[in-house]
Amino acid sequence: MNENELFLNYKKLPTIFSEKVWNIIRIFSILVLISLILLLYFQNKTGLFLFWRLIIPIVPLFLFLSTGIWRNICAVAALNQLPRNLGFAKGDKIWNWSKKYGFIVACTLLLVFVTARKFLFNTNANALIILLLFLGISSFIMGIFYKGKSGWCNTFCPVMPVERLYGHSPFFNVRNCYMDCIGCTKNCFDVCPDIAFLKDLYDKDPFFYNSRKFFAGLFPGFIAGFYLIPDPPQIPIHIMYLYFALYSSVSLISMYLLGFTFFKRKAGLLISIFGILALNTFYWFNVPIYVEIFTSSKSILIIALIWLIKLLIFTLTIIWLKKSYIKESVYQKKYIKKK
């Protein structure tokens, strides 16, 4: 990895498509979202199957491979930027507290929505419609009042913590092809994705590091809990949440123990390790479920295919971890030791 190619400003990153083509893709993504909501309303089972079984399982891998592409085509982000693109956004500054604590709001929304899948969103199409409308309308309204992506994508979006966790060492780095940067948020992921994550970790205010570490620490246990904890009504909802707390706590405590013993000088490495643990845990459970969509066969070939996909994902995460380690080492050499 060439050190000169690290920490590039977004203007030096590849664009893949022209701005016009990106805009067409975004319009298409909004139409897909609207179509999905209509499908959920008129064909409940088909809509739920399409969303939870086909779309959602590939989103984490998409974020892992290229968060930049995701942030360019996300339908909710496109709705957030629509007022700005059409020229009726007010462009006010976001509240000061949100620049620091927006990450906590986003994490809370993510955890609440994911746990609610087990007793509500997985089986209730109307509830899922309300959730999707809430996300889309909230994003659009925040885009009217607040400048850039500060009103949603970089503060309150429940996907943002996952973007931050995986987006600093993408396999495909893609330029933010919305309008030019207007300095709307601190350590913006769109301006320089490689360095934004590390700036958070090495910020003078320890809150930025601690909040990112806390989320990454609980994430593998939280993911494991989602697939191992029985769904209500097999157990009461409050017992389900106690189990989630237990799984997440074990994962979080493990991170802090490792941090105090082996990873005192590599904050980013430890967080990245727990990030890949979460991703591999997610696909440990999802790969067999996804393959089952296309075939119910339990033959040796299908079992081998499942293990091959798992091994491929694991290999990619190890490569990604190495890239993350190199970037943190270069960052420490260039920016931390000079201070």
Foldseek 3Di string as FASTA:
>chain_A
DDPVPAQDFLVPAAAVDALVVLLVLLVVLLVVLVVLLVCCVPPVVVSLCCVPQPPVLCVLVVLQQAVLVCCSRHNLNCLLCVCVVVPQAPADADDPVQLQCLLVLLQVVLLVVLLVCLPDVSRDSVVVSVVSCCSNVQSNVLSRYHPDNSSPQNGNHNCNLSSLLRVQQHNGYHARSDDDDPCRHQLDCRGGVNCSSVCQCPPPPNSSNVSSLLSLQLQLLLLLLSVPPHGPPVPDSVVSVVSSVVSSVVSNVVLVVCCVPPNVPPSSLSSLVSSLSNVLSSLVPSLVSNLVVVPVDPDPVSVVVSVVVSVVSNVVSVVSSVSSRVSSVSCCVPPVVVD
